[in-house]
PDB file of all heavy atoms in Angstrom:
ATOM      1  N   LYS A   1    -100.535 -32.101  29.439  1.00  0.00           N
ATOM      2  CA  LYS A   1     -99.090 -32.200  29.836  1.00  0.00           C
ATOM      3  C   LYS A   1     -98.720 -33.643  29.947  1.00  0.00           C
ATOM      4  O   LYS A   1     -97.657 -34.078  29.420  1.00  0.00           O
ATOM      5  CB  LYS A   1     -98.862 -31.363  31.101  1.00  0.00           C
ATOM      6  CG  LYS A   1     -97.402 -31.342  31.529  1.00  0.00           C
ATOM      7  CD  LYS A   1     -97.272 -30.468  32.729  1.00  0.00           C
ATOM      8  CE  LYS A   1     -95.863 -30.182  33.128  1.00  0.00           C
ATOM      9  NZ  LYS A   1     -94.969 -31.293  33.280  1.00  0.00           N
ATOM     10  N   GLU A   2     -99.445 -34.387  30.742  1.00  0.00           N
ATOM     11  CA  GLU A   2     -99.100 -35.806  31.007  1.00  0.00           C
ATOM     12  C   GLU A   2     -99.099 -36.600  29.715  1.00  0.00           C
ATOM     13  O   GLU A   2     -98.197 -37.391  29.409  1.00  0.00           O
ATOM     14  CB  GLU A   2    -100.049 -36.466  31.963  1.00  0.00           C
ATOM     15  CG  GLU A   2     -99.857 -35.906  33.371  1.00  0.00           C
ATOM     16  CD  GLU A   2    -100.849 -36.472  34.380  1.00  0.00           C
ATOM     17  OE1 GLU A   2    -101.910 -36.995  33.889  1.00  0.00           O
ATOM     18  OE2 GLU A   2    -100.657 -36.255  35.543  1.00  0.00           O
ATOM     19  N   THR A   3    -100.093 -36.376  28.851  1.00  0.00           N
ATOM     20  CA  THR A   3    -100.142 -37.132  27.602  1.00  0.00           C
ATOM     21  C   THR A   3     -99.073 -36.741  26.660  1.00  0.00           C
ATOM     22  O   THR A   3     -98.468 -37.653  26.103  1.00  0.00           O
ATOM     23  CB  THR A   3    -101.563 -36.841  26.949  1.00  0.00           C
ATOM     24  OG1 THR A   3    -102.633 -37.290  27.813  1.00  0.00           O
ATOM     25  CG2 THR A   3    -101.673 -37.542  25.616  1.00  0.00           C
ATOM     26  N   SER A   4     -98.725 -35.445  26.562  1.00  0.00           N
ATOM     27  CA  SER A   4     -97.641 -35.078  25.645  1.00  0.00           C
ATOM     28  C   SER A   4     -96.305 -35.621  26.137  1.00  0.00           C
ATOM     29  O   SER A   4     -95.421 -35.967  25.322  1.00  0.00           O
ATOM     30  CB  SER A   4     -97.645 -33.572  25.482  1.00  0.00           C
ATOM     31  OG  SER A   4     -97.429 -32.893  26.697  1.00  0.00           O
ATOM     32  N   GLU A   5     -96.081 -35.659  27.463  1.00  0.00           N
ATOM     33  CA  GLU A   5     -94.835 -36.212  27.973  1.00  0.00           C
ATOM     34  C   GLU A   5     -94.755 -37.662  27.691  1.00  0.00           C
ATOM     35  O   GLU A   5     -93.677 -38.212  27.381  1.00  0.00           O
ATOM     36  CB  GLU A   5     -94.727 -35.982  29.481  1.00  0.00           C
ATOM     37  CG  GLU A   5     -94.407 -34.522  29.892  1.00  0.00           C
ATOM     38  CD  GLU A   5     -93.086 -34.069  29.403  1.00  0.00           C
ATOM     39  OE1 GLU A   5     -92.206 -34.864  29.110  1.00  0.00           O
ATOM     40  OE2 GLU A   5     -92.960 -32.816  29.314  1.00  0.00           O
ATOM     41  N   TYR A   6     -95.906 -38.392  27.816  1.00  0.00           N
ATOM     42  CA  TYR A   6     -95.924 -39.852  27.482  1.00  0.00           C
ATOM     43  C   TYR A   6     -95.578 -40.059  26.021  1.00  0.00           C
ATOM     44  O   TYR A   6     -94.821 -40.970  25.696  1.00  0.00           O
ATOM     45  CB  TYR A   6     -97.309 -40.359  27.838  1.00  0.00           C
ATOM     46  CG  TYR A   6     -97.431 -41.882  27.816  1.00  0.00           C
ATOM     47  CD1 TYR A   6     -96.937 -42.640  28.863  1.00  0.00           C
ATOM     48  CD2 TYR A   6     -98.054 -42.522  26.772  1.00  0.00           C
ATOM     49  CE1 TYR A   6     -97.063 -44.010  28.876  1.00  0.00           C
ATOM     50  CE2 TYR A   6     -98.187 -43.927  26.782  1.00  0.00           C
ATOM     51  CZ  TYR A   6     -97.712 -44.632  27.835  1.00  0.00           C
ATOM     52  OH  TYR A   6     -97.828 -45.980  27.812  1.00  0.00           O
ATOM     53  N   VAL A   7     -96.138 -39.230  25.147  1.00  0.00           N
ATOM     54  CA  VAL A   7     -95.857 -39.377  23.688  1.00  0.00           C
ATOM     55  C   VAL A   7     -94.399 -39.038  23.415  1.00  0.00           C
ATOM     56  O   VAL A   7     -93.758 -39.696  22.630  1.00  0.00           O
ATOM     57  CB  VAL A   7     -96.835 -38.516  22.888  1.00  0.00           C
ATOM     58  CG1 VAL A   7     -96.424 -38.417  21.454  1.00  0.00           C
ATOM     59  CG2 VAL A   7     -98.302 -39.068  23.027  1.00  0.00           C
ATOM     60  N   ALA A   8     -93.842 -38.001  24.025  1.00  0.00           N
ATOM     61  CA  ALA A   8     -92.427 -37.651  23.870  1.00  0.00           C
ATOM     62  C   ALA A   8     -91.575 -38.861  24.261  1.00  0.00           C
ATOM     63  O   ALA A   8     -90.638 -39.138  23.593  1.00  0.00           O
ATOM     64  CB  ALA A   8     -92.138 -36.402  24.689  1.00  0.00           C
ATOM     65  N   GLN A   9     -91.881 -39.522  25.378  1.00  0.00           N
ATOM     66  CA  GLN A   9     -91.096 -40.650  25.838  1.00  0.00           C
ATOM     67  C   GLN A   9     -91.208 -41.761  24.744  1.00  0.00           C
ATOM     68  O   GLN A   9     -90.203 -42.388  24.464  1.00  0.00           O
ATOM     69  CB  GLN A   9     -91.592 -41.186  27.193  1.00  0.00           C
ATOM     70  CG  GLN A   9     -90.760 -42.318  27.719  1.00  0.00           C
ATOM     71  CD  GLN A   9     -89.376 -41.927  28.016  1.00  0.00           C
ATOM     72  OE1 GLN A   9     -89.091 -40.940  28.704  1.00  0.00           O
ATOM     73  NE2 GLN A   9     -88.374 -42.697  27.541  1.00  0.00           N
ATOM     74  N   TYR A  10     -92.346 -41.970  24.229  1.00  0.00           N
ATOM     75  CA  TYR A  10     -92.587 -42.933  23.226  1.00  0.00           C
ATOM     76  C   TYR A  10     -91.725 -42.638  21.962  1.00  0.00           C
ATOM     77  O   TYR A  10     -91.038 -43.499  21.461  1.00  0.00           O
ATOM     78  CB  TYR A  10     -94.053 -42.998  22.847  1.00  0.00           C
ATOM     79  CG  TYR A  10     -94.415 -43.654  21.514  1.00  0.00           C
ATOM     80  CD1 TYR A  10     -94.201 -44.959  21.312  1.00  0.00           C
ATOM     81  CD2 TYR A  10     -95.029 -42.882  20.557  1.00  0.00           C
ATOM     82  CE1 TYR A  10     -94.609 -45.558  20.056  1.00  0.00           C
ATOM     83  CE2 TYR A  10     -95.391 -43.448  19.343  1.00  0.00           C
ATOM     84  CZ  TYR A  10     -95.185 -44.785  19.036  1.00  0.00           C
ATOM     85  OH  TYR A  10     -95.507 -45.353  17.918  1.00  0.00           O
ATOM     86  N   TYR A  11     -91.682 -41.378  21.565  1.00  0.00           N
ATOM     87  CA  TYR A  11     -90.875 -40.955  20.401  1.00  0.00           C
ATOM     88  C   TYR A  11     -89.406 -41.220  20.703  1.00  0.00           C
ATOM     89  O   TYR A  11     -88.663 -41.672  19.812  1.00  0.00           O
ATOM     90  CB  TYR A  11     -91.064 -39.515  20.112  1.00  0.00           C
ATOM     91  CG  TYR A  11     -92.387 -39.144  19.399  1.00  0.00           C
ATOM     92  CD1 TYR A  11     -92.820 -37.847  19.368  1.00  0.00           C
ATOM     93  CD2 TYR A  11     -93.209 -40.105  18.885  1.00  0.00           C
ATOM     94  CE1 TYR A  11     -93.986 -37.540  18.726  1.00  0.00           C
ATOM     95  CE2 TYR A  11     -94.419 -39.821  18.290  1.00  0.00           C
ATOM     96  CZ  TYR A  11     -94.801 -38.501  18.181  1.00  0.00           C
ATOM     97  OH  TYR A  11     -95.973 -38.166  17.624  1.00  0.00           O
ATOM     98  N   ARG A  12     -88.937 -40.933  21.903  1.00  0.00           N
ATOM     99  CA  ARG A  12     -87.596 -41.206  22.291  1.00  0.00           C
ATOM    100  C   ARG A  12     -87.233 -42.712  22.224  1.00  0.00           C
ATOM    101  O   ARG A  12     -86.210 -43.149  21.651  1.00  0.00           O
ATOM    102  CB  ARG A  12     -87.271 -40.628  23.691  1.00  0.00           C
ATOM    103  CG  ARG A  12     -87.193 -39.143  23.733  1.00  0.00           C
ATOM    104  CD  ARG A  12     -86.625 -38.579  25.017  1.00  0.00           C
ATOM    105  NE  ARG A  12     -87.481 -38.885  26.186  1.00  0.00           N
ATOM    106  CZ  ARG A  12     -88.508 -38.124  26.618  1.00  0.00           C
ATOM    107  NH1 ARG A  12     -88.803 -37.057  25.994  1.00  0.00           N
ATOM    108  NH2 ARG A  12     -89.190 -38.490  27.682  1.00  0.00           N
ATOM    109  N   ASP A  13     -88.095 -43.535  22.845  1.00  0.00           N
ATOM    110  CA  ASP A  13     -87.882 -44.972  22.913  1.00  0.00           C
ATOM    111  C   ASP A  13     -88.010 -45.711  21.572  1.00  0.00           C
ATOM    112  O   ASP A  13     -87.226 -46.608  21.262  1.00  0.00           O
ATOM    113  CB  ASP A  13     -88.880 -45.578  23.921  1.00  0.00           C
ATOM    114  CG  ASP A  13     -88.571 -45.181  25.369  1.00  0.00           C
ATOM    115  OD1 ASP A  13     -87.491 -44.601  25.628  1.00  0.00           O
ATOM    116  OD2 ASP A  13     -89.457 -45.358  26.231  1.00  0.00           O
ATOM    117  N   ARG A  14     -89.024 -45.327  20.784  1.00  0.00           N
ATOM    118  CA  ARG A  14     -89.286 -45.991  19.586  1.00  0.00           C
ATOM    119  C   ARG A  14     -88.376 -45.521  18.393  1.00  0.00           C
ATOM    120  O   ARG A  14     -87.912 -46.347  17.599  1.00  0.00           O
ATOM    121  CB  ARG A  14     -90.728 -45.995  19.199  1.00  0.00           C
ATOM    122  CG  ARG A  14     -91.033 -46.810  17.937  1.00  0.00           C
ATOM    123  CD  ARG A  14     -92.546 -46.967  17.699  1.00  0.00           C
ATOM    124  NE  ARG A  14     -92.796 -47.954  16.688  1.00  0.00           N
ATOM    125  CZ  ARG A  14     -93.934 -48.496  16.413  1.00  0.00           C
ATOM    126  NH1 ARG A  14     -95.048 -48.136  17.113  1.00  0.00           N
ATOM    127  NH2 ARG A  14     -94.055 -49.365  15.391  1.00  0.00           N
ATOM    128  N   TYR A  15     -88.290 -44.237  18.302  1.00  0.00           N
ATOM    129  CA  TYR A  15     -87.610 -43.651  17.128  1.00  0.00           C
ATOM    130  C   TYR A  15     -86.278 -42.990  17.396  1.00  0.00           C
ATOM    131  O   TYR A  15     -85.593 -42.533  16.463  1.00  0.00           O
ATOM    132  CB  TYR A  15     -88.565 -42.609  16.469  1.00  0.00           C
ATOM    133  CG  TYR A  15     -89.873 -43.203  16.127  1.00  0.00           C
ATOM    134  CD1 TYR A  15     -91.056 -42.773  16.766  1.00  0.00           C
ATOM    135  CD2 TYR A  15     -90.017 -44.096  15.084  1.00  0.00           C
ATOM    136  CE1 TYR A  15     -92.324 -43.263  16.472  1.00  0.00           C
ATOM    137  CE2 TYR A  15     -91.307 -44.608  14.768  1.00  0.00           C
ATOM    138  CZ  TYR A  15     -92.400 -44.183  15.415  1.00  0.00           C
ATOM    139  OH  TYR A  15     -93.647 -44.679  15.102  1.00  0.00           O
ATOM    140  N   GLY A  16     -85.961 -42.875  18.711  1.00  0.00           N
ATOM    141  CA  GLY A  16     -84.666 -42.204  19.064  1.00  0.00           C
ATOM    142  C   GLY A  16     -84.739 -40.713  18.878  1.00  0.00           C
ATOM    143  O   GLY A  16     -83.709 -40.012  18.843  1.00  0.00           O
ATOM    144  N   LEU A  17     -85.959 -40.120  18.842  1.00  0.00           N
ATOM    145  CA  LEU A  17     -86.087 -38.716  18.701  1.00  0.00           C
ATOM    146  C   LEU A  17     -85.876 -38.013  19.996  1.00  0.00           C
ATOM    147  O   LEU A  17     -86.324 -38.451  21.039  1.00  0.00           O
ATOM    148  CB  LEU A  17     -87.466 -38.337  18.177  1.00  0.00           C
ATOM    149  CG  LEU A  17     -87.873 -38.830  16.771  1.00  0.00           C
ATOM    150  CD1 LEU A  17     -89.377 -38.549  16.478  1.00  0.00           C
ATOM    151  CD2 LEU A  17     -86.955 -38.242  15.765  1.00  0.00           C
ATOM    152  N   ILE A  18     -85.160 -36.920  19.939  1.00  0.00           N
ATOM    153  CA  ILE A  18     -84.934 -36.116  21.149  1.00  0.00           C
ATOM    154  C   ILE A  18     -86.012 -35.045  21.166  1.00  0.00           C
ATOM    155  O   ILE A  18     -86.024 -34.118  20.358  1.00  0.00           O
ATOM    156  CB  ILE A  18     -83.498 -35.462  21.126  1.00  0.00           C
ATOM    157  CG1 ILE A  18     -82.445 -36.515  20.935  1.00  0.00           C
ATOM    158  CG2 ILE A  18     -83.290 -34.647  22.414  1.00  0.00           C
ATOM    159  CD1 ILE A  18     -82.443 -37.600  21.986  1.00  0.00           C
ATOM    160  N   THR A  19     -86.919 -35.175  22.096  1.00  0.00           N
ATOM    161  CA  THR A  19     -88.097 -34.312  22.178  1.00  0.00           C
ATOM    162  C   THR A  19     -88.600 -34.284  23.622  1.00  0.00           C
ATOM    163  O   THR A  19     -88.131 -35.058  24.474  1.00  0.00           O
ATOM    164  CB  THR A  19     -89.199 -34.588  21.165  1.00  0.00           C
ATOM    165  OG1 THR A  19     -90.170 -33.600  21.197  1.00  0.00           O
ATOM    166  CG2 THR A  19     -89.839 -35.928  21.530  1.00  0.00           C
ATOM    167  N   ASN A  20     -89.530 -33.367  23.866  1.00  0.00           N
ATOM    168  CA  ASN A  20     -90.185 -33.297  25.199  1.00  0.00           C
ATOM    169  C   ASN A  20     -91.627 -32.970  24.992  1.00  0.00           C
ATOM    170  O   ASN A  20     -92.070 -32.708  23.914  1.00  0.00           O
ATOM    171  CB  ASN A  20     -89.450 -32.293  26.130  1.00  0.00           C
ATOM    172  CG  ASN A  20     -89.493 -30.913  25.575  1.00  0.00           C
ATOM    173  OD1 ASN A  20     -90.522 -30.399  25.105  1.00  0.00           O
ATOM    174  ND2 ASN A  20     -88.361 -30.266  25.544  1.00  0.00           N
ATOM    175  N   GLY A  21     -92.369 -33.038  26.108  1.00  0.00           N
ATOM    176  CA  GLY A  21     -93.825 -32.791  26.018  1.00  0.00           C
ATOM    177  C   GLY A  21     -94.180 -31.447  25.477  1.00  0.00           C
ATOM    178  O   GLY A  21     -95.129 -31.306  24.686  1.00  0.00           O
ATOM    179  N   GLU A  22     -93.436 -30.400  25.887  1.00  0.00           N
ATOM    180  CA  GLU A  22     -93.762 -29.087  25.397  1.00  0.00           C
ATOM    181  C   GLU A  22     -93.593 -28.956  23.905  1.00  0.00           C
ATOM    182  O   GLU A  22     -94.459 -28.355  23.242  1.00  0.00           O
ATOM    183  CB  GLU A  22     -92.887 -28.045  26.092  1.00  0.00           C
ATOM    184  CG  GLU A  22     -93.244 -27.807  27.549  1.00  0.00           C
ATOM    185  CD  GLU A  22     -92.366 -26.772  28.214  1.00  0.00           C
ATOM    186  OE1 GLU A  22     -91.664 -25.957  27.521  1.00  0.00           O
ATOM    187  OE2 GLU A  22     -92.287 -26.763  29.465  1.00  0.00           O
ATOM    188  N   GLU A  23     -92.543 -29.579  23.373  1.00  0.00           N
ATOM    189  CA  GLU A  23     -92.356 -29.580  21.916  1.00  0.00           C
ATOM    190  C   GLU A  23     -93.448 -30.354  21.219  1.00  0.00           C
ATOM    191  O   GLU A  23     -93.936 -29.864  20.139  1.00  0.00           O
ATOM    192  CB  GLU A  23     -90.936 -30.187  21.589  1.00  0.00           C
ATOM    193  CG  GLU A  23     -90.611 -30.057  20.157  1.00  0.00           C
ATOM    194  CD  GLU A  23     -89.195 -30.623  19.822  1.00  0.00           C
ATOM    195  OE1 GLU A  23     -88.650 -31.346  20.703  1.00  0.00           O
ATOM    196  OE2 GLU A  23     -88.693 -30.253  18.800  1.00  0.00           O
ATOM    197  N   VAL A  24     -93.795 -31.400  21.743  1.00  0.00           N
ATOM    198  CA  VAL A  24     -94.979 -32.209  21.150  1.00  0.00           C
ATOM    199  C   VAL A  24     -96.223 -31.388  21.086  1.00  0.00           C
ATOM    200  O   VAL A  24     -96.924 -31.316  20.053  1.00  0.00           O
ATOM    201  CB  VAL A  24     -95.151 -33.588  21.940  1.00  0.00           C
ATOM    202  CG1 VAL A  24     -96.438 -34.219  21.477  1.00  0.00           C
ATOM    203  CG2 VAL A  24     -93.928 -34.571  21.673  1.00  0.00           C
ATOM    204  N   LEU A  25     -96.536 -30.690  22.186  1.00  0.00           N
ATOM    205  CA  LEU A  25     -97.769 -29.852  22.256  1.00  0.00           C
ATOM    206  C   LEU A  25     -97.664 -28.740  21.272  1.00  0.00           C
ATOM    207  O   LEU A  25     -98.702 -28.340  20.682  1.00  0.00           O
ATOM    208  CB  LEU A  25     -97.944 -29.316  23.637  1.00  0.00           C
ATOM    209  CG  LEU A  25     -98.653 -30.208  24.621  1.00  0.00           C
ATOM    210  CD1 LEU A  25     -98.622 -29.626  26.068  1.00  0.00           C
ATOM    211  CD2 LEU A  25    -100.090 -30.530  24.281  1.00  0.00           C
ATOM    212  N   SER A  26     -96.500 -28.190  21.048  1.00  0.00           N
ATOM    213  CA  SER A  26     -96.389 -27.030  20.117  1.00  0.00           C
ATOM    214  C   SER A  26     -96.376 -27.437  18.659  1.00  0.00           C
ATOM    215  O   SER A  26     -96.722 -26.624  17.833  1.00  0.00           O
ATOM    216  CB  SER A  26     -95.085 -26.219  20.399  1.00  0.00           C
ATOM    217  OG  SER A  26     -93.971 -26.985  20.077  1.00  0.00           O
ATOM    218  N   LYS A  27     -96.026 -28.706  18.363  1.00  0.00           N
ATOM    219  CA  LYS A  27     -95.942 -29.141  16.997  1.00  0.00           C
ATOM    220  C   LYS A  27     -97.181 -29.796  16.454  1.00  0.00           C
ATOM    221  O   LYS A  27     -97.403 -29.759  15.238  1.00  0.00           O
ATOM    222  CB  LYS A  27     -94.768 -30.087  16.816  1.00  0.00           C
ATOM    223  CG  LYS A  27     -93.397 -29.423  16.794  1.00  0.00           C
ATOM    224  CD  LYS A  27     -92.391 -30.522  16.470  1.00  0.00           C
ATOM    225  CE  LYS A  27     -91.047 -29.801  16.305  1.00  0.00           C
ATOM    226  NZ  LYS A  27     -89.962 -30.793  15.922  1.00  0.00           N
ATOM    227  N   TYR A  28     -97.922 -30.415  17.315  1.00  0.00           N
ATOM    228  CA  TYR A  28     -99.037 -31.313  16.820  1.00  0.00           C
ATOM    229  C   TYR A  28    -100.371 -30.899  17.403  1.00  0.00           C
ATOM    230  O   TYR A  28    -100.430 -30.511  18.563  1.00  0.00           O
ATOM    231  CB  TYR A  28     -98.778 -32.769  17.190  1.00  0.00           C
ATOM    232  CG  TYR A  28     -97.422 -33.260  16.668  1.00  0.00           C
ATOM    233  CD1 TYR A  28     -96.321 -33.403  17.480  1.00  0.00           C
ATOM    234  CD2 TYR A  28     -97.273 -33.547  15.306  1.00  0.00           C
ATOM    235  CE1 TYR A  28     -95.111 -33.833  17.011  1.00  0.00           C
ATOM    236  CE2 TYR A  28     -96.015 -33.985  14.828  1.00  0.00           C
ATOM    237  CZ  TYR A  28     -94.977 -34.122  15.662  1.00  0.00           C
ATOM    238  OH  TYR A  28     -93.776 -34.509  15.176  1.00  0.00           O
ATOM    239  N   PRO A  29    -101.428 -31.061  16.681  1.00  0.00           N
ATOM    240  CA  PRO A  29    -102.755 -30.840  17.219  1.00  0.00           C
ATOM    241  C   PRO A  29    -103.090 -31.911  18.232  1.00  0.00           C
ATOM    242  O   PRO A  29    -102.563 -33.028  18.161  1.00  0.00           O
ATOM    243  CB  PRO A  29    -103.686 -30.843  16.025  1.00  0.00           C
ATOM    244  CG  PRO A  29    -102.951 -31.528  14.960  1.00  0.00           C
ATOM    245  CD  PRO A  29    -101.538 -31.408  15.231  1.00  0.00           C
ATOM    246  N   TRP A  30    -103.959 -31.585  19.154  1.00  0.00           N
ATOM    247  CA  TRP A  30    -104.312 -32.506  20.275  1.00  0.00           C
ATOM    248  C   TRP A  30    -104.777 -33.869  19.777  1.00  0.00           C
ATOM    249  O   TRP A  30    -104.382 -34.905  20.325  1.00  0.00           O
ATOM    250  CB  TRP A  30    -105.353 -31.840  21.201  1.00  0.00           C
ATOM    251  CG  TRP A  30    -105.809 -32.759  22.301  1.00  0.00           C
ATOM    252  CD1 TRP A  30    -107.054 -33.203  22.504  1.00  0.00           C
ATOM    253  CD2 TRP A  30    -105.001 -33.308  23.338  1.00  0.00           C
ATOM    254  NE1 TRP A  30    -107.097 -34.054  23.602  1.00  0.00           N
ATOM    255  CE2 TRP A  30    -105.805 -34.025  24.124  1.00  0.00           C
ATOM    256  CE3 TRP A  30    -103.656 -33.163  23.666  1.00  0.00           C
ATOM    257  CZ2 TRP A  30    -105.380 -34.785  25.243  1.00  0.00           C
ATOM    258  CZ3 TRP A  30    -103.164 -33.835  24.792  1.00  0.00           C
ATOM    259  CH2 TRP A  30    -104.046 -34.623  25.601  1.00  0.00           C
ATOM    260  N   HIS A  31    -105.588 -33.945  18.819  1.00  0.00           N
ATOM    261  CA  HIS A  31    -106.179 -35.218  18.361  1.00  0.00           C
ATOM    262  C   HIS A  31    -105.031 -36.127  17.841  1.00  0.00           C
ATOM    263  O   HIS A  31    -105.113 -37.314  17.995  1.00  0.00           O
ATOM    264  CB  HIS A  31    -107.274 -35.091  17.322  1.00  0.00           C
ATOM    265  CG  HIS A  31    -106.875 -34.499  16.029  1.00  0.00           C
ATOM    266  ND1 HIS A  31    -106.664 -33.161  15.829  1.00  0.00           N
ATOM    267  CD2 HIS A  31    -106.681 -35.092  14.835  1.00  0.00           C
ATOM    268  CE1 HIS A  31    -106.294 -32.968  14.586  1.00  0.00           C
ATOM    269  NE2 HIS A  31    -106.358 -34.093  13.935  1.00  0.00           N
ATOM    270  N   GLU A  32    -104.025 -35.566  17.260  1.00  0.00           N
ATOM    271  CA  GLU A  32    -102.875 -36.402  16.810  1.00  0.00           C
ATOM    272  C   GLU A  32    -101.981 -36.833  17.959  1.00  0.00           C
ATOM    273  O   GLU A  32    -101.469 -37.980  17.971  1.00  0.00           O
ATOM    274  CB  GLU A  32    -102.040 -35.612  15.844  1.00  0.00           C
ATOM    275  CG  GLU A  32    -102.717 -35.420  14.479  1.00  0.00           C
ATOM    276  CD  GLU A  32    -101.889 -34.648  13.485  1.00  0.00           C
ATOM    277  OE1 GLU A  32    -100.635 -34.511  13.719  1.00  0.00           O
ATOM    278  OE2 GLU A  32    -102.434 -34.137  12.489  1.00  0.00           O
ATOM    279  N   ILE A  33    -101.909 -36.021  19.008  1.00  0.00           N
ATOM    280  CA  ILE A  33    -101.143 -36.489  20.175  1.00  0.00           C
ATOM    281  C   ILE A  33    -101.922 -37.612  20.903  1.00  0.00           C
ATOM    282  O   ILE A  33    -101.237 -38.610  21.292  1.00  0.00           O
ATOM    283  CB  ILE A  33    -101.010 -35.265  21.168  1.00  0.00           C
ATOM    284  CG1 ILE A  33    -100.184 -34.185  20.510  1.00  0.00           C
ATOM    285  CG2 ILE A  33    -100.434 -35.682  22.517  1.00  0.00           C
ATOM    286  CD1 ILE A  33    -100.081 -32.930  21.276  1.00  0.00           C
ATOM    287  N   VAL A  34    -103.191 -37.525  20.977  1.00  0.00           N
ATOM    288  CA  VAL A  34    -104.012 -38.612  21.557  1.00  0.00           C
ATOM    289  C   VAL A  34    -103.832 -39.898  20.739  1.00  0.00           C
ATOM    290  O   VAL A  34    -103.607 -40.979  21.319  1.00  0.00           O
ATOM    291  CB  VAL A  34    -105.504 -38.245  21.685  1.00  0.00           C
ATOM    292  CG1 VAL A  34    -106.331 -39.413  22.070  1.00  0.00           C
ATOM    293  CG2 VAL A  34    -105.665 -37.103  22.675  1.00  0.00           C
ATOM    294  N   TRP A  35    -103.841 -39.766  19.494  1.00  0.00           N
ATOM    295  CA  TRP A  35    -103.692 -40.916  18.578  1.00  0.00           C
ATOM    296  C   TRP A  35    -102.314 -41.575  18.769  1.00  0.00           C
ATOM    297  O   TRP A  35    -102.223 -42.766  18.843  1.00  0.00           O
ATOM    298  CB  TRP A  35    -103.890 -40.532  17.100  1.00  0.00           C
ATOM    299  CG  TRP A  35    -104.410 -41.628  16.255  1.00  0.00           C
ATOM    300  CD1 TRP A  35    -103.722 -42.273  15.269  1.00  0.00           C
ATOM    301  CD2 TRP A  35    -105.668 -42.178  16.254  1.00  0.00           C
ATOM    302  NE1 TRP A  35    -104.477 -43.207  14.729  1.00  0.00           N
ATOM    303  CE2 TRP A  35    -105.724 -43.206  15.357  1.00  0.00           C
ATOM    304  CE3 TRP A  35    -106.847 -42.060  17.066  1.00  0.00           C
ATOM    305  CZ2 TRP A  35    -106.842 -44.039  15.112  1.00  0.00           C
ATOM    306  CZ3 TRP A  35    -107.943 -42.813  16.839  1.00  0.00           C
ATOM    307  CH2 TRP A  35    -107.895 -43.854  15.856  1.00  0.00           C
ATOM    308  N   GLU A  36    -101.275 -40.735  18.889  1.00  0.00           N
ATOM    309  CA  GLU A  36     -99.954 -41.266  19.146  1.00  0.00           C
ATOM    310  C   GLU A  36     -99.848 -41.919  20.455  1.00  0.00           C
ATOM    311  O   GLU A  36     -99.119 -42.922  20.662  1.00  0.00           O
ATOM    312  CB  GLU A  36     -98.868 -40.187  19.000  1.00  0.00           C
ATOM    313  CG  GLU A  36     -98.686 -39.715  17.588  1.00  0.00           C
ATOM    314  CD  GLU A  36     -98.050 -40.792  16.709  1.00  0.00           C
ATOM    315  OE1 GLU A  36     -97.101 -41.441  17.109  1.00  0.00           O
ATOM    316  OE2 GLU A  36     -98.583 -40.917  15.603  1.00  0.00           O
ATOM    317  N   LYS A  37    -100.664 -41.480  21.496  1.00  0.00           N
ATOM    318  CA  LYS A  37    -100.663 -42.099  22.786  1.00  0.00           C
ATOM    319  C   LYS A  37    -101.149 -43.549  22.644  1.00  0.00           C
ATOM    320  O   LYS A  37    -100.593 -44.469  23.311  1.00  0.00           O
ATOM    321  CB  LYS A  37    -101.541 -41.342  23.704  1.00  0.00           C
ATOM    322  CG  LYS A  37    -101.647 -41.932  25.160  1.00  0.00           C
ATOM    323  CD  LYS A  37    -102.538 -41.165  26.057  1.00  0.00           C
ATOM    324  CE  LYS A  37    -103.991 -41.396  25.666  1.00  0.00           C
ATOM    325  NZ  LYS A  37    -104.887 -40.852  26.663  1.00  0.00           N
ATOM    326  N   PHE A  38    -102.112 -43.765  21.791  1.00  0.00           N
ATOM    327  CA  PHE A  38    -102.574 -45.159  21.563  1.00  0.00           C
ATOM    328  C   PHE A  38    -101.489 -46.031  20.961  1.00  0.00           C
ATOM    329  O   PHE A  38    -101.318 -47.211  21.291  1.00  0.00           O
ATOM    330  CB  PHE A  38    -103.832 -45.179  20.705  1.00  0.00           C
ATOM    331  CG  PHE A  38    -104.976 -44.421  21.265  1.00  0.00           C
ATOM    332  CD1 PHE A  38    -105.920 -43.865  20.452  1.00  0.00           C
ATOM    333  CD2 PHE A  38    -105.230 -44.393  22.635  1.00  0.00           C
ATOM    334  CE1 PHE A  38    -107.015 -43.136  20.989  1.00  0.00           C
ATOM    335  CE2 PHE A  38    -106.304 -43.707  23.184  1.00  0.00           C
ATOM    336  CZ  PHE A  38    -107.191 -43.076  22.326  1.00  0.00           C
TER     337      PHE A  38
END
């Protein structure tokens, strides 16, 4: 949950995407979410 929320914030700040952690978790496999966190 925390990681996906962090990635969602990153997507909002960097790309202007409107998303949230739940959406990130439902769309991407975990290893891709971790990679995006980096």
